[in-house]
Amino acid sequence: MVGEAGSGAIFVEGNAGALTPRCPRSCLGVMFPALHHLRLGARPTLGARRAGGSAGEYLSRENEQRCRGLLEASTRRYRQEAVAAAVLVTLCSVGGYPALLYTLRSSTLTGQHKGDVSFPGGKRDSSDQDVIATALRETQEELGLHLGAESVWGVMRPLPTGVTPLHSPSSRGLTVAPVLAHLGPLECVRLSPNPQEVEDVFTIPLSHLLQAQNHGYTHFRHQGRYSHTLPIFLNSRYRVWGLTAIITDLTLELLAPSVYRRRTRPPSPR
């Protein structure tokens, strides 16, 4: 389906497979009455398993060490830089299968990002030692989830926030550092989301994200001419696009280089 989305954005969508059945909130100990559809990754089909692998593959110690090694230089460089904000790219496993955990920002928030799918995170505080501390602090404030630095695999290259025409001129030039971390089995995690910031919490299996039919690309134009292309990921309820989709795109390539290739170039900070 192709449709206009305002400000010159053209959405090009593929077919989105159904995500997952609901799971009782008690299995995660979620203390958040407003969460009506916390969804966990369903057991993938045989074809999806081949594409998405198992937690033992992508979340293995061997793959962790490989990813840590690839991120070593960027972690050393960017963790101390004066980056405006950081997000925690939240790896986890559900029923033994790897997934990414996302939040839906509250629609009552101010600004252009309200109601958007995102990773937990926010602006850097003067008390934060580095961008890793920012990502971990913001995750605790949003989800009530306390993680230690040992859960962090590394810091990815910071990205500019103003990647679409939907962003105001005042937001452009700000940078966000994606911090990759592993939460462990989600069944063992207790979440207590902040209702003032988070409207929903959900996971998408890596097998779903890695399959070509579940993602596409958003083409932007500026002043009537083609400008750039960004990835977009589709599921049964929420569209993952913008900066969150770019970070997802980069994360999938890092985790599964043998089965996933980026088709877009991530924007560079101005």
Protein backbone atom coordinates (compact mmCIF):
# COMPACT_ATOMS: atom_id res chain seq x y z
CA MET A 1 0.00 0.00 0.00
CA VAL A 2 1.25 3.46 -0.87
CA GLY A 3 -0.11 6.52 0.89
CA GLU A 4 0.76 10.10 1.66
CA ALA A 5 1.74 10.86 5.24
CA GLY A 6 2.14 14.59 5.22
CA SER A 7 5.27 16.74 5.07
CA GLY A 8 6.34 15.01 1.91
CA ALA A 9 6.57 11.50 3.34
CA ILE A 10 5.49 8.58 1.16
CA PHE A 11 4.89 5.28 2.93
CA VAL A 12 5.64 2.09 1.04
CA GLU A 13 4.35 -0.87 2.98
CA GLY A 14 4.67 -4.63 2.64
CA ASN A 15 2.54 -7.36 4.14
CA ALA A 16 2.75 -7.57 7.91
CA GLY A 17 2.33 -10.99 9.47
CA ALA A 18 0.40 -11.31 12.70
CA LEU A 19 2.61 -10.71 15.67
CA THR A 20 1.78 -12.64 18.78
CA PRO A 21 -1.04 -13.71 21.04
CA ARG A 22 -1.47 -11.87 24.29
CA CYS A 23 0.22 -13.23 27.33
CA PRO A 24 -1.16 -12.76 30.84
CA ARG A 25 0.59 -9.82 32.44
CA SER A 26 1.21 -11.88 35.55
CA CYS A 27 3.85 -13.91 33.69
CA LEU A 28 6.06 -10.81 33.69
CA GLY A 29 4.90 -9.29 36.93
CA VAL A 30 3.85 -6.15 35.07
CA MET A 31 2.32 -3.66 37.48
CA PHE A 32 0.62 -1.36 35.00
CA PRO A 33 -3.20 -1.42 34.65
CA ALA A 34 -3.17 0.59 31.40
CA LEU A 35 -1.29 -2.15 29.55
CA HIS A 36 -4.08 -3.99 27.77
CA HIS A 37 -1.96 -5.70 25.13
CA LEU A 38 1.50 -6.52 26.33
CA ARG A 39 2.50 -9.01 23.68
CA LEU A 40 5.25 -11.57 23.79
CA GLY A 41 6.99 -13.18 20.86
CA ALA A 42 5.09 -16.20 19.64
CA ARG A 43 6.98 -19.35 18.80
CA PRO A 44 8.16 -18.85 15.22
CA THR A 45 7.23 -21.18 12.40
CA LEU A 46 9.92 -23.38 10.84
CA GLY A 47 10.64 -20.79 8.13
CA ALA A 48 10.82 -18.02 10.68
CA ARG A 49 13.20 -20.04 12.83
CA ARG A 50 15.57 -20.34 9.91
CA ALA A 51 15.45 -16.58 9.40
CA GLY A 52 15.38 -15.53 13.03
CA GLY A 53 17.41 -18.21 14.73
CA SER A 54 17.06 -19.06 18.39
CA ALA A 55 18.08 -17.21 21.50
CA GLY A 56 21.00 -19.63 21.70
CA GLU A 57 22.26 -18.28 18.36
CA TYR A 58 21.81 -14.51 18.34
CA LEU A 59 21.92 -14.06 22.10
CA SER A 60 24.71 -16.56 22.62
CA ARG A 61 27.90 -15.72 24.47
CA GLU A 62 29.78 -16.11 21.21
CA ASN A 63 27.60 -13.62 19.36
CA GLU A 64 27.66 -11.28 22.33
CA GLN A 65 31.45 -11.23 22.29
CA ARG A 66 31.46 -10.66 18.53
CA CYS A 67 29.07 -7.70 18.88
CA ARG A 68 30.99 -6.28 21.83
CA GLY A 69 34.15 -6.45 19.76
CA LEU A 70 32.54 -4.65 16.82
CA LEU A 71 31.20 -1.97 19.15
CA GLU A 72 34.38 -1.56 21.18
CA ALA A 73 35.74 1.41 19.23
CA SER A 74 32.45 3.28 19.02
CA THR A 75 31.76 2.61 22.70
CA ARG A 76 35.12 4.03 23.68
CA ARG A 77 34.62 7.06 21.45
CA TYR A 78 30.98 7.98 22.05
CA ARG A 79 30.26 7.09 25.66
CA GLN A 80 32.04 10.22 26.83
CA GLU A 81 30.86 12.56 24.08
CA ALA A 82 28.32 15.26 24.85
CA VAL A 83 25.48 13.45 23.12
CA ALA A 84 22.09 15.06 23.75
CA ALA A 85 20.20 11.84 24.47
CA ALA A 86 20.47 8.05 24.60
CA VAL A 87 18.14 5.10 24.14
CA LEU A 88 18.49 1.53 25.34
CA VAL A 89 18.14 -0.98 22.49
CA THR A 90 16.55 -3.71 24.54
CA LEU A 91 17.39 -7.26 23.48
CA CYS A 92 15.57 -10.05 25.27
CA SER A 93 14.30 -13.59 24.80
CA VAL A 94 10.71 -14.77 24.98
CA GLY A 95 10.02 -18.47 25.23
CA GLY A 96 13.63 -19.09 24.21
CA TYR A 97 13.44 -16.94 21.08
CA PRO A 98 15.18 -13.58 20.61
CA ALA A 99 13.18 -10.37 20.45
CA LEU A 100 13.41 -6.61 20.78
CA LEU A 101 11.37 -4.79 23.41
CA TYR A 102 9.73 -1.51 22.45
CA THR A 103 7.60 1.10 24.19
CA LEU A 104 4.77 3.23 22.90
CA ARG A 105 5.17 6.75 24.17
CA SER A 106 2.16 8.20 25.93
CA SER A 107 -0.21 10.20 23.73
CA THR A 108 -0.52 12.73 26.55
CA LEU A 109 3.11 13.83 26.25
CA THR A 110 3.96 17.10 24.58
CA GLY A 111 6.01 17.30 21.40
CA GLN A 112 6.10 15.44 18.11
CA HIS A 113 7.13 12.07 19.55
CA LYS A 114 3.98 11.43 21.59
CA GLY A 115 2.31 8.19 20.58
CA ASP A 116 5.44 6.99 18.75
CA VAL A 117 7.04 3.56 19.03
CA SER A 118 10.44 3.95 20.63
CA PHE A 119 13.13 2.37 22.72
CA PRO A 120 13.29 3.51 26.34
CA GLY A 121 15.51 6.56 26.69
CA GLY A 122 15.68 10.30 26.85
CA LYS A 123 17.80 13.38 27.29
CA ARG A 124 21.13 13.26 29.05
CA ASP A 125 21.17 14.65 32.59
CA SER A 126 24.07 16.64 33.99
CA SER A 127 24.48 13.99 36.68
CA ASP A 128 24.92 11.17 34.13
CA GLN A 129 28.47 9.88 33.93
CA ASP A 130 28.11 8.97 30.25
CA VAL A 131 25.53 7.98 27.62
CA ILE A 132 25.33 4.46 29.05
CA ALA A 133 24.28 5.94 32.39
CA THR A 134 21.69 8.05 30.55
CA ALA A 135 20.16 5.04 28.79
CA LEU A 136 20.07 2.93 31.96
CA ARG A 137 18.62 5.76 34.07
CA GLU A 138 15.91 6.57 31.55
CA THR A 139 15.00 2.88 31.24
CA GLN A 140 14.60 2.64 34.99
CA GLU A 141 12.44 5.78 35.04
CA GLU A 142 10.23 4.60 32.17
CA LEU A 143 9.93 0.87 32.88
CA GLY A 144 11.01 0.47 36.50
CA LEU A 145 13.74 -1.80 35.19
CA HIS A 146 17.10 -1.61 36.91
CA LEU A 147 19.97 -2.94 34.79
CA GLY A 148 23.65 -2.98 35.56
CA ALA A 149 26.39 -1.89 33.18
CA GLU A 150 27.28 -5.56 32.64
CA SER A 151 24.07 -5.92 30.61
CA VAL A 152 25.35 -3.40 28.05
CA TRP A 153 27.03 -4.76 24.92
CA GLY A 154 28.16 -1.39 23.61
CA VAL A 155 27.33 2.04 22.21
CA MET A 156 26.40 2.44 18.56
CA ARG A 157 27.17 5.54 16.51
CA PRO A 158 24.93 8.46 17.54
CA LEU A 159 22.23 9.48 15.07
CA PRO A 160 20.53 12.82 14.44
CA THR A 161 16.95 13.21 15.63
CA GLY A 162 15.84 15.33 12.67
CA VAL A 163 15.69 12.47 10.15
CA THR A 164 12.21 13.18 8.78
CA PRO A 165 10.35 16.29 7.66
CA LEU A 166 8.00 15.73 10.59
CA HIS A 167 10.65 17.00 13.00
CA SER A 168 10.74 20.68 13.85
CA PRO A 169 13.80 22.76 12.92
CA SER A 170 14.55 23.19 16.63
CA SER A 171 15.04 19.44 17.07
CA ARG A 172 17.43 18.99 14.19
CA GLY A 173 21.08 18.71 15.00
CA LEU A 174 20.42 16.87 18.27
CA THR A 175 21.98 13.42 18.48
CA VAL A 176 20.85 10.20 20.13
CA ALA A 177 23.24 7.40 21.13
CA PRO A 178 21.80 3.86 20.82
CA VAL A 179 23.06 1.69 23.69
CA LEU A 180 22.70 -2.05 23.04
CA ALA A 181 21.84 -4.16 26.08
CA HIS A 182 20.47 -7.62 26.87
CA LEU A 183 17.64 -7.88 29.40
CA GLY A 184 17.71 -11.69 29.55
CA PRO A 185 14.57 -13.88 29.48
CA LEU A 186 11.60 -11.55 29.60
CA GLU A 187 9.65 -14.07 31.65
CA CYS A 188 12.06 -13.31 34.49
CA VAL A 189 11.83 -9.53 34.19
CA ARG A 190 9.51 -7.40 36.30
CA LEU A 191 8.31 -4.28 34.53
CA SER A 192 6.60 -1.33 36.18
CA PRO A 193 6.10 1.23 33.39
CA ASN A 194 5.51 4.89 34.18
CA PRO A 195 2.01 5.68 32.84
CA GLN A 196 2.92 9.33 32.37
CA GLU A 197 5.53 8.36 29.79
CA VAL A 198 4.64 4.89 28.49
CA GLU A 199 1.32 3.86 26.99
CA ASP A 200 2.27 0.32 25.99
CA VAL A 201 5.13 -2.17 26.15
CA PHE A 202 5.53 -4.91 23.55
CA THR A 203 8.07 -7.16 21.91
CA ILE A 204 8.70 -8.08 18.30
CA PRO A 205 10.52 -11.37 17.62
CA LEU A 206 13.74 -11.06 15.65
CA SER A 207 12.32 -13.68 13.30
CA HIS A 208 9.52 -11.26 12.45
CA LEU A 209 11.85 -8.30 11.96
CA LEU A 210 14.27 -10.27 9.80
CA GLN A 211 11.68 -11.44 7.29
CA ALA A 212 11.53 -9.26 4.19
CA GLN A 213 7.74 -9.22 3.98
CA ASN A 214 7.53 -7.51 7.36
CA HIS A 215 9.57 -4.45 6.51
CA GLY A 216 9.74 -1.88 3.78
CA TYR A 217 10.99 1.63 3.17
CA THR A 218 9.72 5.17 3.51
CA HIS A 219 10.70 7.54 0.72
CA PHE A 220 10.87 11.25 1.50
CA ARG A 221 10.80 14.19 -0.83
CA HIS A 222 11.73 17.79 -0.24
CA GLN A 223 10.43 20.67 -2.33
CA GLY A 224 8.92 18.20 -4.79
CA ARG A 225 12.09 16.13 -5.25
CA TYR A 226 13.23 12.82 -3.82
CA SER A 227 15.28 13.38 -0.69
CA HIS A 228 16.08 10.12 1.12
CA THR A 229 14.81 6.69 2.15
CA LEU A 230 14.34 5.27 5.63
CA PRO A 231 13.41 1.73 6.76
CA ILE A 232 9.99 0.89 8.16
CA PHE A 233 8.95 -2.21 10.12
CA LEU A 234 5.38 -3.44 10.20
CA ASN A 235 3.39 -5.54 12.62
CA SER A 236 -0.21 -6.13 13.49
CA ARG A 237 -0.65 -3.01 15.60
CA TYR A 238 2.18 -0.47 15.48
CA ARG A 239 4.37 0.87 12.72
CA VAL A 240 8.05 1.17 13.66
CA TRP A 241 9.59 3.97 11.64
CA GLY A 242 11.73 7.09 11.94
CA LEU A 243 14.74 7.02 14.22
CA THR A 244 13.56 3.86 16.01
CA ALA A 245 13.41 2.01 12.68
CA ILE A 246 16.91 3.19 11.75
CA ILE A 247 18.26 1.90 15.06
CA THR A 248 16.36 -1.39 14.57
CA ASP A 249 17.84 -1.67 11.08
CA LEU A 250 21.39 -1.20 12.36
CA THR A 251 20.80 -3.61 15.26
CA LEU A 252 19.55 -6.39 13.00
CA GLU A 253 22.58 -6.06 10.75
CA LEU A 254 24.86 -6.21 13.78
CA LEU A 255 23.14 -9.26 15.28
CA ALA A 256 22.49 -11.25 12.10
CA PRO A 257 24.93 -10.20 9.37
CA SER A 258 24.54 -13.49 7.54
CA VAL A 259 20.80 -13.03 6.94
CA TYR A 260 20.17 -9.28 7.12
CA ARG A 261 21.54 -6.49 4.94
CA ARG A 262 20.72 -2.83 5.21
CA ARG A 263 19.46 -1.16 2.05
CA THR A 264 19.70 2.39 3.36
CA ARG A 265 22.51 4.54 4.66
CA PRO A 266 21.96 5.87 8.19
CA PRO A 267 22.08 9.67 8.45
CA SER A 268 25.16 11.31 9.94
CA PRO A 269 24.96 13.89 12.73
CA ARG A 270 25.20 17.43 11.43
